[in-house]
Every structure is written in C-alpha cells, then in structure tokens.
Amino acid sequence: MQRALFARTMLQDADLILLDEPFNAVDERTIRDLLRLIREWAAEGRTVLCVLHDHALVRAHFPRTLLIARKLVAWGPTSEVLTPENLSRARNFQEAWDDRAGWCADERPGSSPAHEQDAGPTQRVAAHV
C-alpha cells in the first residue's frame, strides 16, 4: 500500500509533500528505498513533511523536526528538538489531556470554538527534510 501511495505522490509532482507514517507496514529494504526517494525530493527543492512516531528514524534521517503533543512543543534542528526535556514536556501535555472534559469556551473576541483547535490525541513528530 505504501508503495502505491508513493507512486501516486511521484506522479503528482508537488512542491509540498505530506506523508503520514510512510514507513508503517513495510520491510527494511522498502524503507531504504522510500528514504532515498524522500532525499531526492528534498534535493529537488521540494518540501517533504513526514508525520512519524519513530524517534530513532527521525534522528537518523531528518535534519529538522516539529514536535507536537496537543500543541507545539518545539521546532528546529532534530538534535535540539528531540531532547529528553522536550520529549518529557510532550508526554506531560499528552497525559494532562482529559478526553472526557467538556469543551472550554474561548471568550476572546473573534476566537474559534475550542473543539476546532483540537490537535488530536497523540504525540506527533513532524520531520522535515
């Protein structure tokens, strides 16, 4: 399935490529092939944004990282973002979230309802090449 999604992405020839967990359910050889393709896209000047949970893979292959856990935790060089301190902050944001809590109204003028701003239930790492 991942190969088919990458093939479709290749045909679209987009300047911005968004990939959500592109290495799930594929073997090591395919991961190497897909990483090579991502590096080629980056070398062509395209922006490639991958959502990943595998921090080791991010550290090894992605120079910049955006760490999100319900809200922005850190953005920048991967070595500066995936620190024990930032990962701990991300876990704390995630663990503090109560899915049973009611929506909080934002009383500021022109603000959106809180439910429209929900970032989702899990810690995410968006890795940028």
C-alpha atoms as a PDB file:
ATOM      1  CA  MET A   1       0.000   0.000   0.000  1.00  0.00           C
ATOM      2  CA  GLN A   2       2.781   2.457   0.901  1.00  0.00           C
ATOM      3  CA  ARG A   3       4.464   1.890  -2.477  1.00  0.00           C
ATOM      4  CA  ALA A   4       1.209   2.748  -4.251  1.00  0.00           C
ATOM      5  CA  LEU A   5       0.864   5.949  -2.223  1.00  0.00           C
ATOM      6  CA  PHE A   6       4.449   6.943  -3.052  1.00  0.00           C
ATOM      7  CA  ALA A   7       3.856   6.181  -6.745  1.00  0.00           C
ATOM      8  CA  ARG A   8       0.794   8.435  -6.744  1.00  0.00           C
ATOM      9  CA  THR A   9       2.789  11.152  -4.973  1.00  0.00           C
ATOM     10  CA  MET A  10       5.544  10.881  -7.584  1.00  0.00           C
ATOM     11  CA  LEU A  11       3.011  11.385 -10.385  1.00  0.00           C
ATOM     12  CA  GLN A  12       1.562  14.483  -8.728  1.00  0.00           C
ATOM     13  CA  ASP A  13       4.947  16.247  -8.875  1.00  0.00           C
ATOM     14  CA  ALA A  14       4.002  18.557  -5.980  1.00  0.00           C
ATOM     15  CA  ASP A  15       6.272  21.153  -4.346  1.00  0.00           C
ATOM     16  CA  LEU A  16       4.882  20.210  -0.914  1.00  0.00           C
ATOM     17  CA  ILE A  17       4.701  16.526   0.003  1.00  0.00           C
ATOM     18  CA  LEU A  18       2.855  15.474   3.165  1.00  0.00           C
ATOM     19  CA  LEU A  19       3.391  11.893   4.376  1.00  0.00           C
ATOM     20  CA  ASP A  20       1.619  10.398   7.394  1.00  0.00           C
ATOM     21  CA  GLU A  21       3.551   7.420   8.831  1.00  0.00           C
ATOM     22  CA  PRO A  22       5.017   6.494   5.422  1.00  0.00           C
ATOM     23  CA  PHE A  23       7.153   3.646   6.789  1.00  0.00           C
ATOM     24  CA  ASN A  24       4.407   1.645   8.521  1.00  0.00           C
ATOM     25  CA  ALA A  25       3.935  -1.952   7.404  1.00  0.00           C
ATOM     26  CA  VAL A  26       6.913  -2.018   5.021  1.00  0.00           C
ATOM     27  CA  ASP A  27      10.146  -4.006   5.144  1.00  0.00           C
ATOM     28  CA  GLU A  28      13.636  -2.564   5.707  1.00  0.00           C
ATOM     29  CA  ARG A  29      14.520  -2.579   2.007  1.00  0.00           C
ATOM     30  CA  THR A  30      11.398  -0.617   1.159  1.00  0.00           C
ATOM     31  CA  ILE A  31      12.133   1.848   3.966  1.00  0.00           C
ATOM     32  CA  ARG A  32      15.601   2.444   2.473  1.00  0.00           C
ATOM     33  CA  ASP A  33      14.073   2.935  -0.990  1.00  0.00           C
ATOM     34  CA  LEU A  34      11.466   5.355   0.329  1.00  0.00           C
ATOM     35  CA  LEU A  35      14.059   7.327   2.318  1.00  0.00           C
ATOM     36  CA  ARG A  36      16.185   7.629  -0.828  1.00  0.00           C
ATOM     37  CA  LEU A  37      13.143   8.956  -2.705  1.00  0.00           C
ATOM     38  CA  ILE A  38      12.414  11.483   0.079  1.00  0.00           C
ATOM     39  CA  ARG A  39      16.037  12.703  -0.061  1.00  0.00           C
ATOM     40  CA  GLU A  40      15.752  13.076  -3.855  1.00  0.00           C
ATOM     41  CA  TRP A  41      12.603  15.156  -3.474  1.00  0.00           C
ATOM     42  CA  ALA A  42      14.338  17.374  -0.910  1.00  0.00           C
ATOM     43  CA  ALA A  43      17.376  17.763  -3.203  1.00  0.00           C
ATOM     44  CA  GLU A  44      14.990  18.942  -5.944  1.00  0.00           C
ATOM     45  CA  GLY A  45      13.862  21.744  -3.625  1.00  0.00           C
ATOM     46  CA  ARG A  46      10.548  20.197  -2.595  1.00  0.00           C
ATOM     47  CA  THR A  47       9.308  20.427   0.959  1.00  0.00           C
ATOM     48  CA  VAL A  48       8.711  16.986   2.463  1.00  0.00           C
ATOM     49  CA  LEU A  49       6.848  16.763   5.764  1.00  0.00           C
ATOM     50  CA  CYS A  50       6.525  13.329   7.391  1.00  0.00           C
ATOM     51  CA  VAL A  51       4.469  12.548  10.481  1.00  0.00           C
ATOM     52  CA  LEU A  52       6.371   9.898  12.434  1.00  0.00           C
ATOM     53  CA  HIS A  53       6.424   8.330  15.890  1.00  0.00           C
ATOM     54  CA  ASP A  54       9.774   6.547  15.443  1.00  0.00           C
ATOM     55  CA  HIS A  55      12.246   8.970  17.037  1.00  0.00           C
ATOM     56  CA  ALA A  56      15.282   6.882  16.032  1.00  0.00           C
ATOM     57  CA  LEU A  57      14.245   7.073  12.374  1.00  0.00           C
ATOM     58  CA  VAL A  58      13.719  10.829  12.665  1.00  0.00           C
ATOM     59  CA  ARG A  59      17.141  11.309  14.302  1.00  0.00           C
ATOM     60  CA  ALA A  60      18.858   9.248  11.616  1.00  0.00           C
ATOM     61  CA  HIS A  61      17.236  10.725   8.510  1.00  0.00           C
ATOM     62  CA  PHE A  62      15.541  14.078   9.106  1.00  0.00           C
ATOM     63  CA  PRO A  63      17.525  17.268   9.836  1.00  0.00           C
ATOM     64  CA  ARG A  64      14.592  19.349  11.140  1.00  0.00           C
ATOM     65  CA  THR A  65      11.739  18.348  13.413  1.00  0.00           C
ATOM     66  CA  LEU A  66       8.449  19.749  14.645  1.00  0.00           C
ATOM     67  CA  LEU A  67       7.342  18.121  17.929  1.00  0.00           C
ATOM     68  CA  ILE A  68       3.619  18.350  18.644  1.00  0.00           C
ATOM     69  CA  ALA A  69       1.611  16.950  21.553  1.00  0.00           C
ATOM     70  CA  ARG A  70      -1.783  18.654  21.554  1.00  0.00           C
ATOM     71  CA  LYS A  71       0.201  21.824  20.927  1.00  0.00           C
ATOM     72  CA  LEU A  72       3.592  22.883  19.637  1.00  0.00           C
ATOM     73  CA  VAL A  73       6.433  21.685  21.856  1.00  0.00           C
ATOM     74  CA  ALA A  74       9.477  22.516  19.728  1.00  0.00           C
ATOM     75  CA  TRP A  75      10.651  23.170  16.156  1.00  0.00           C
ATOM     76  CA  GLY A  76      14.160  23.248  14.719  1.00  0.00           C
ATOM     77  CA  PRO A  77      17.206  21.050  14.209  1.00  0.00           C
ATOM     78  CA  THR A  78      16.313  17.487  15.183  1.00  0.00           C
ATOM     79  CA  SER A  79      19.148  17.251  17.709  1.00  0.00           C
ATOM     80  CA  GLU A  80      17.752  20.299  19.524  1.00  0.00           C
ATOM     81  CA  VAL A  81      14.099  19.228  19.342  1.00  0.00           C
ATOM     82  CA  LEU A  82      14.231  15.558  20.323  1.00  0.00           C
ATOM     83  CA  THR A  83      15.821  16.185  23.700  1.00  0.00           C
ATOM     84  CA  PRO A  84      14.771  14.393  26.882  1.00  0.00           C
ATOM     85  CA  GLU A  85      13.379  17.699  28.182  1.00  0.00           C
ATOM     86  CA  ASN A  86      11.184  18.328  25.114  1.00  0.00           C
ATOM     87  CA  LEU A  87      10.017  14.707  24.957  1.00  0.00           C
ATOM     88  CA  SER A  88       9.080  14.898  28.636  1.00  0.00           C
ATOM     89  CA  ARG A  89       7.141  18.130  28.015  1.00  0.00           C
ATOM     90  CA  ALA A  90       5.320  16.407  25.147  1.00  0.00           C
ATOM     91  CA  ARG A  91       4.387  13.449  27.356  1.00  0.00           C
ATOM     92  CA  ASN A  92       3.138  15.838  30.056  1.00  0.00           C
ATOM     93  CA  PHE A  93       0.936  17.714  27.570  1.00  0.00           C
ATOM     94  CA  GLN A  94      -0.478  14.445  26.314  1.00  0.00           C
ATOM     95  CA  GLU A  95      -1.021  12.910  29.758  1.00  0.00           C
ATOM     96  CA  ALA A  96      -2.687  16.081  31.073  1.00  0.00           C
ATOM     97  CA  TRP A  97      -5.326  15.906  28.348  1.00  0.00           C
ATOM     98  CA  ASP A  98      -8.707  14.678  29.537  1.00  0.00           C
ATOM     99  CA  ASP A  99     -10.838  13.379  26.658  1.00  0.00           C
ATOM    100  CA  ARG A 100     -13.887  13.324  28.948  1.00  0.00           C
ATOM    101  CA  ALA A 101     -13.698  17.038  29.750  1.00  0.00           C
ATOM    102  CA  GLY A 102     -16.233  19.323  28.163  1.00  0.00           C
ATOM    103  CA  TRP A 103     -15.228  21.952  25.616  1.00  0.00           C
ATOM    104  CA  CYS A 104     -13.969  25.205  27.050  1.00  0.00           C
ATOM    105  CA  ALA A 105     -15.380  28.342  25.530  1.00  0.00           C
ATOM    106  CA  ASP A 106     -12.797  30.885  24.430  1.00  0.00           C
ATOM    107  CA  GLU A 107     -14.173  34.238  25.459  1.00  0.00           C
ATOM    108  CA  ARG A 108     -11.752  36.340  23.383  1.00  0.00           C
ATOM    109  CA  PRO A 109     -13.356  38.383  20.590  1.00  0.00           C
ATOM    110  CA  GLY A 110     -13.064  36.648  17.221  1.00  0.00           C
ATOM    111  CA  SER A 111     -11.813  33.354  18.686  1.00  0.00           C
ATOM    112  CA  SER A 112     -12.776  29.928  17.336  1.00  0.00           C
ATOM    113  CA  PRO A 113     -14.529  27.322  19.481  1.00  0.00           C
ATOM    114  CA  ALA A 114     -12.029  25.141  21.332  1.00  0.00           C
ATOM    115  CA  HIS A 115     -13.125  21.963  19.538  1.00  0.00           C
ATOM    116  CA  GLU A 116     -11.965  23.391  16.225  1.00  0.00           C
ATOM    117  CA  GLN A 117      -8.466  23.793  17.629  1.00  0.00           C
ATOM    118  CA  ASP A 118      -8.051  20.198  18.925  1.00  0.00           C
ATOM    119  CA  ALA A 119      -4.746  18.795  17.700  1.00  0.00           C
ATOM    120  CA  GLY A 120      -5.637  15.139  18.274  1.00  0.00           C
ATOM    121  CA  PRO A 121      -4.884  12.534  20.905  1.00  0.00           C
ATOM    122  CA  THR A 122      -1.254  11.569  20.321  1.00  0.00           C
ATOM    123  CA  GLN A 123       2.237  12.960  20.418  1.00  0.00           C
ATOM    124  CA  ARG A 124       3.463  13.563  16.869  1.00  0.00           C
ATOM    125  CA  VAL A 125       6.808  14.287  15.342  1.00  0.00           C
ATOM    126  CA  ALA A 126       6.690  16.031  12.001  1.00  0.00           C
ATOM    127  CA  ALA A 127      10.061  15.589  10.399  1.00  0.00           C
ATOM    128  CA  HIS A 128      11.120  17.931   7.637  1.00  0.00           C
ATOM    129  CA  VAL A 129      13.782  17.231   5.042  1.00  0.00           C
END
